[in-house]
Amino acid sequence: MHEKDTEELLSEIREDEDMKLFLARNRQEFRRPLSEYLCDIMEKKQLCRTDVIRDSCLNPNYAYHILSGESTNPSRPKLVALAIAMHLDFDEIQYLLRYAGFSPLYPRNPWDAIVIAALRKGFSVWETDNLLDSLGETVMLGNLKKEQLAK
């Protein structure tokens, strides 16, 4: 957890002449790699990596690479699939998306609105993708065949 709030850090940046010293003094205040954050969530929620990977419906090797830090730039839809597999609630997903540098889910965006509705209904990744596909939106899992989505 961070000891300083964002305003404190901004104030220090404005006042500090030595950026190298600022960085060294505040190292613990910066975001950790996404993979570490995801692993912390899984540990906190007592989730098994194997179950999360399976439930995400992502390519297992790709999902493993995200969770191990070998893949540092997952797409927003892939990150949402992992979040659903981790049973994150709406607020947790919003924070995760911001943490990873993405925009949060926005109800005025059709894709996001569908995902928000699926979250509210407790849909799995497959069910969410099926809903996205049935409403003409891009699916999270990429170029999966429609018959796979119907499973």
C-alpha atoms as a PDB file:
ATOM      1  CA  MET A   1       0.000   0.000   0.000  1.00  0.00           C
ATOM      2  CA  HIS A   2       1.137   3.536  -0.652  1.00  0.00           C
ATOM      3  CA  GLU A   3       2.077   5.825   2.201  1.00  0.00           C
ATOM      4  CA  LYS A   4       1.615   9.081   0.273  1.00  0.00           C
ATOM      5  CA  ASP A   5      -1.427  10.184  -1.639  1.00  0.00           C
ATOM      6  CA  THR A   6      -1.189  11.484  -5.189  1.00  0.00           C
ATOM      7  CA  GLU A   7      -1.368  15.127  -4.128  1.00  0.00           C
ATOM      8  CA  GLU A   8       1.633  14.674  -1.831  1.00  0.00           C
ATOM      9  CA  LEU A   9       3.645  13.194  -4.676  1.00  0.00           C
ATOM     10  CA  LEU A  10       2.627  15.999  -7.033  1.00  0.00           C
ATOM     11  CA  SER A  11       3.651  18.552  -4.449  1.00  0.00           C
ATOM     12  CA  GLU A  12       7.058  16.932  -4.037  1.00  0.00           C
ATOM     13  CA  ILE A  13       7.565  16.829  -7.809  1.00  0.00           C
ATOM     14  CA  ARG A  14       6.796  20.549  -8.039  1.00  0.00           C
ATOM     15  CA  GLU A  15       9.160  21.401  -5.189  1.00  0.00           C
ATOM     16  CA  ASP A  16      11.980  18.906  -5.754  1.00  0.00           C
ATOM     17  CA  GLU A  17      14.875  20.100  -7.896  1.00  0.00           C
ATOM     18  CA  ASP A  18      16.611  16.717  -7.961  1.00  0.00           C
ATOM     19  CA  MET A  19      14.419  14.221  -9.822  1.00  0.00           C
ATOM     20  CA  LYS A  20      16.913  11.403  -9.255  1.00  0.00           C
ATOM     21  CA  LEU A  21      16.640  11.945  -5.492  1.00  0.00           C
ATOM     22  CA  PHE A  22      12.833  12.161  -5.741  1.00  0.00           C
ATOM     23  CA  LEU A  23      12.702   8.819  -7.578  1.00  0.00           C
ATOM     24  CA  ALA A  24      15.006   7.131  -5.083  1.00  0.00           C
ATOM     25  CA  ARG A  25      13.126   8.540  -2.080  1.00  0.00           C
ATOM     26  CA  ASN A  26       9.717   7.511  -3.437  1.00  0.00           C
ATOM     27  CA  ARG A  27      10.470   4.164  -5.090  1.00  0.00           C
ATOM     28  CA  GLN A  28       7.895   2.367  -2.880  1.00  0.00           C
ATOM     29  CA  GLU A  29       5.215   4.809  -4.034  1.00  0.00           C
ATOM     30  CA  PHE A  30       5.333   3.761  -7.674  1.00  0.00           C
ATOM     31  CA  ARG A  31       3.231   1.098  -9.302  1.00  0.00           C
ATOM     32  CA  ARG A  32       4.613  -2.383  -9.390  1.00  0.00           C
ATOM     33  CA  PRO A  33       4.482  -4.478 -12.550  1.00  0.00           C
ATOM     34  CA  LEU A  34       0.993  -5.553 -13.581  1.00  0.00           C
ATOM     35  CA  SER A  35       1.876  -9.227 -13.098  1.00  0.00           C
ATOM     36  CA  GLU A  36       2.714  -8.599  -9.419  1.00  0.00           C
ATOM     37  CA  TYR A  37      -0.545  -6.746  -8.917  1.00  0.00           C
ATOM     38  CA  LEU A  38      -2.525  -9.581 -10.528  1.00  0.00           C
ATOM     39  CA  CYS A  39      -0.745 -12.173  -8.380  1.00  0.00           C
ATOM     40  CA  ASP A  40      -1.526 -10.119  -5.263  1.00  0.00           C
ATOM     41  CA  ILE A  41      -5.206 -10.151  -6.216  1.00  0.00           C
ATOM     42  CA  MET A  42      -5.152 -13.920  -6.721  1.00  0.00           C
ATOM     43  CA  GLU A  43      -3.427 -14.434  -3.379  1.00  0.00           C
ATOM     44  CA  LYS A  44      -5.848 -12.119  -1.573  1.00  0.00           C
ATOM     45  CA  LYS A  45      -8.847 -13.903  -3.120  1.00  0.00           C
ATOM     46  CA  GLN A  46      -7.209 -17.319  -2.658  1.00  0.00           C
ATOM     47  CA  LEU A  47      -7.414 -18.105  -6.355  1.00  0.00           C
ATOM     48  CA  CYS A  48      -5.365 -20.771  -8.067  1.00  0.00           C
ATOM     49  CA  ARG A  49      -3.404 -19.581 -11.107  1.00  0.00           C
ATOM     50  CA  THR A  50      -4.486 -22.670 -13.055  1.00  0.00           C
ATOM     51  CA  ASP A  51      -8.175 -21.953 -12.375  1.00  0.00           C
ATOM     52  CA  VAL A  52      -7.835 -18.290 -13.356  1.00  0.00           C
ATOM     53  CA  ILE A  53      -6.072 -19.217 -16.583  1.00  0.00           C
ATOM     54  CA  ARG A  54      -8.731 -21.832 -17.407  1.00  0.00           C
ATOM     55  CA  ASP A  55     -11.642 -19.546 -16.515  1.00  0.00           C
ATOM     56  CA  SER A  56     -10.194 -16.645 -18.519  1.00  0.00           C
ATOM     57  CA  CYS A  57     -10.605 -18.749 -21.706  1.00  0.00           C
ATOM     58  CA  LEU A  58      -7.425 -17.112 -22.990  1.00  0.00           C
ATOM     59  CA  ASN A  59      -4.729 -19.135 -24.658  1.00  0.00           C
ATOM     60  CA  PRO A  60      -3.150 -20.800 -21.601  1.00  0.00           C
ATOM     61  CA  ASN A  61       0.399 -19.898 -22.644  1.00  0.00           C
ATOM     62  CA  TYR A  62      -0.554 -16.270 -23.204  1.00  0.00           C
ATOM     63  CA  ALA A  63      -2.425 -16.029 -19.893  1.00  0.00           C
ATOM     64  CA  TYR A  64       0.538 -17.590 -18.099  1.00  0.00           C
ATOM     65  CA  HIS A  65       2.862 -15.048 -19.729  1.00  0.00           C
ATOM     66  CA  ILE A  66       0.667 -12.186 -18.500  1.00  0.00           C
ATOM     67  CA  LEU A  67       0.578 -13.547 -14.947  1.00  0.00           C
ATOM     68  CA  SER A  68       4.307 -14.273 -14.884  1.00  0.00           C
ATOM     69  CA  GLY A  69       5.247 -10.858 -16.272  1.00  0.00           C
ATOM     70  CA  GLU A  70       6.669 -12.205 -19.538  1.00  0.00           C
ATOM     71  CA  SER A  71       3.922 -10.366 -21.432  1.00  0.00           C
ATOM     72  CA  THR A  72       3.713  -6.843 -20.061  1.00  0.00           C
ATOM     73  CA  ASN A  73       1.164  -5.297 -22.406  1.00  0.00           C
ATOM     74  CA  PRO A  74      -2.016  -7.360 -22.523  1.00  0.00           C
ATOM     75  CA  SER A  75      -4.838  -5.741 -24.434  1.00  0.00           C
ATOM     76  CA  ARG A  76      -7.750  -4.215 -22.541  1.00  0.00           C
ATOM     77  CA  PRO A  77     -10.176  -7.024 -23.547  1.00  0.00           C
ATOM     78  CA  LYS A  78      -7.693  -9.710 -22.453  1.00  0.00           C
ATOM     79  CA  LEU A  79      -7.240  -7.954 -19.118  1.00  0.00           C
ATOM     80  CA  VAL A  80     -11.030  -7.795 -18.685  1.00  0.00           C
ATOM     81  CA  ALA A  81     -11.203 -11.544 -19.382  1.00  0.00           C
ATOM     82  CA  LEU A  82      -8.637 -12.171 -16.639  1.00  0.00           C
ATOM     83  CA  ALA A  83     -10.543  -9.873 -14.286  1.00  0.00           C
ATOM     84  CA  ILE A  84     -13.780 -11.757 -14.886  1.00  0.00           C
ATOM     85  CA  ALA A  85     -11.941 -15.045 -14.288  1.00  0.00           C
ATOM     86  CA  MET A  86     -10.701 -13.607 -10.976  1.00  0.00           C
ATOM     87  CA  HIS A  87     -14.274 -12.721  -9.997  1.00  0.00           C
ATOM     88  CA  LEU A  88     -13.426  -9.033  -9.628  1.00  0.00           C
ATOM     89  CA  ASP A  89     -16.339  -6.733  -9.003  1.00  0.00           C
ATOM     90  CA  PHE A  90     -17.012  -3.615 -11.051  1.00  0.00           C
ATOM     91  CA  ASP A  91     -14.938  -1.285  -8.857  1.00  0.00           C
ATOM     92  CA  GLU A  92     -12.019  -3.726  -8.770  1.00  0.00           C
ATOM     93  CA  ILE A  93     -12.071  -4.003 -12.557  1.00  0.00           C
ATOM     94  CA  GLN A  94     -12.185  -0.232 -12.913  1.00  0.00           C
ATOM     95  CA  TYR A  95      -9.118   0.089 -10.682  1.00  0.00           C
ATOM     96  CA  LEU A  96      -7.295  -2.724 -12.502  1.00  0.00           C
ATOM     97  CA  LEU A  97      -7.892  -1.076 -15.870  1.00  0.00           C
ATOM     98  CA  ARG A  98      -6.573   2.279 -14.622  1.00  0.00           C
ATOM     99  CA  TYR A  99      -3.626   0.511 -12.951  1.00  0.00           C
ATOM    100  CA  ALA A 100      -2.725  -1.089 -16.295  1.00  0.00           C
ATOM    101  CA  GLY A 101      -2.990   2.257 -18.093  1.00  0.00           C
ATOM    102  CA  PHE A 102      -6.365   1.667 -19.761  1.00  0.00           C
ATOM    103  CA  SER A 103      -9.534   3.672 -19.579  1.00  0.00           C
ATOM    104  CA  PRO A 104     -12.112   2.300 -17.150  1.00  0.00           C
ATOM    105  CA  LEU A 105     -15.321   0.749 -18.433  1.00  0.00           C
ATOM    106  CA  TYR A 106     -17.532   3.565 -19.680  1.00  0.00           C
ATOM    107  CA  PRO A 107     -21.297   3.058 -20.038  1.00  0.00           C
ATOM    108  CA  ARG A 108     -21.509   5.334 -23.112  1.00  0.00           C
ATOM    109  CA  ASN A 109     -19.260   2.925 -25.024  1.00  0.00           C
ATOM    110  CA  PRO A 110     -21.384   0.022 -26.371  1.00  0.00           C
ATOM    111  CA  TRP A 111     -18.684  -2.634 -25.793  1.00  0.00           C
ATOM    112  CA  ASP A 112     -18.135  -1.407 -22.250  1.00  0.00           C
ATOM    113  CA  ALA A 113     -21.875  -1.166 -21.563  1.00  0.00           C
ATOM    114  CA  ILE A 114     -22.334  -4.809 -22.583  1.00  0.00           C
ATOM    115  CA  VAL A 115     -19.439  -5.895 -20.367  1.00  0.00           C
ATOM    116  CA  ILE A 116     -20.869  -3.884 -17.451  1.00  0.00           C
ATOM    117  CA  ALA A 117     -24.248  -5.590 -17.925  1.00  0.00           C
ATOM    118  CA  ALA A 118     -22.560  -9.000 -18.075  1.00  0.00           C
ATOM    119  CA  LEU A 119     -20.654  -8.233 -14.876  1.00  0.00           C
ATOM    120  CA  ARG A 120     -23.884  -7.254 -13.147  1.00  0.00           C
ATOM    121  CA  LYS A 121     -25.361 -10.603 -14.153  1.00  0.00           C
ATOM    122  CA  GLY A 122     -22.284 -12.542 -13.027  1.00  0.00           C
ATOM    123  CA  PHE A 123     -21.510 -13.845 -16.518  1.00  0.00           C
ATOM    124  CA  SER A 124     -18.411 -15.909 -17.190  1.00  0.00           C
ATOM    125  CA  VAL A 125     -15.930 -14.927 -19.895  1.00  0.00           C
ATOM    126  CA  TRP A 126     -17.662 -17.279 -22.376  1.00  0.00           C
ATOM    127  CA  GLU A 127     -21.093 -15.868 -21.547  1.00  0.00           C
ATOM    128  CA  THR A 128     -19.788 -12.300 -21.833  1.00  0.00           C
ATOM    129  CA  ASP A 129     -18.179 -13.025 -25.182  1.00  0.00           C
ATOM    130  CA  ASN A 130     -21.343 -14.709 -26.408  1.00  0.00           C
ATOM    131  CA  LEU A 131     -23.333 -11.613 -25.436  1.00  0.00           C
ATOM    132  CA  LEU A 132     -20.807  -9.306 -27.128  1.00  0.00           C
ATOM    133  CA  ASP A 133     -20.925 -11.433 -30.279  1.00  0.00           C
ATOM    134  CA  SER A 134     -24.719 -11.635 -30.340  1.00  0.00           C
ATOM    135  CA  LEU A 135     -24.916  -7.836 -30.142  1.00  0.00           C
ATOM    136  CA  GLY A 136     -22.411  -7.308 -32.950  1.00  0.00           C
ATOM    137  CA  GLU A 137     -19.465  -6.216 -30.807  1.00  0.00           C
ATOM    138  CA  THR A 138     -15.886  -7.458 -30.887  1.00  0.00           C
ATOM    139  CA  VAL A 139     -15.322 -10.393 -28.567  1.00  0.00           C
ATOM    140  CA  MET A 140     -12.670 -10.381 -25.839  1.00  0.00           C
ATOM    141  CA  LEU A 141     -11.079 -13.607 -26.969  1.00  0.00           C
ATOM    142  CA  GLY A 142     -10.296 -12.513 -30.500  1.00  0.00           C
ATOM    143  CA  ASN A 143     -10.830 -14.732 -33.483  1.00  0.00           C
ATOM    144  CA  LEU A 144     -12.661 -17.606 -31.841  1.00  0.00           C
ATOM    145  CA  LYS A 145     -15.207 -19.342 -33.980  1.00  0.00           C
ATOM    146  CA  LYS A 146     -18.828 -18.477 -33.248  1.00  0.00           C
ATOM    147  CA  GLU A 147     -19.652 -22.098 -32.521  1.00  0.00           C
ATOM    148  CA  GLN A 148     -17.020 -22.031 -29.761  1.00  0.00           C
ATOM    149  CA  LEU A 149     -18.762 -19.032 -28.220  1.00  0.00           C
ATOM    150  CA  ALA A 150     -22.032 -20.912 -28.082  1.00  0.00           C
ATOM    151  CA  LYS A 151     -20.561 -23.508 -25.679  1.00  0.00           C
END
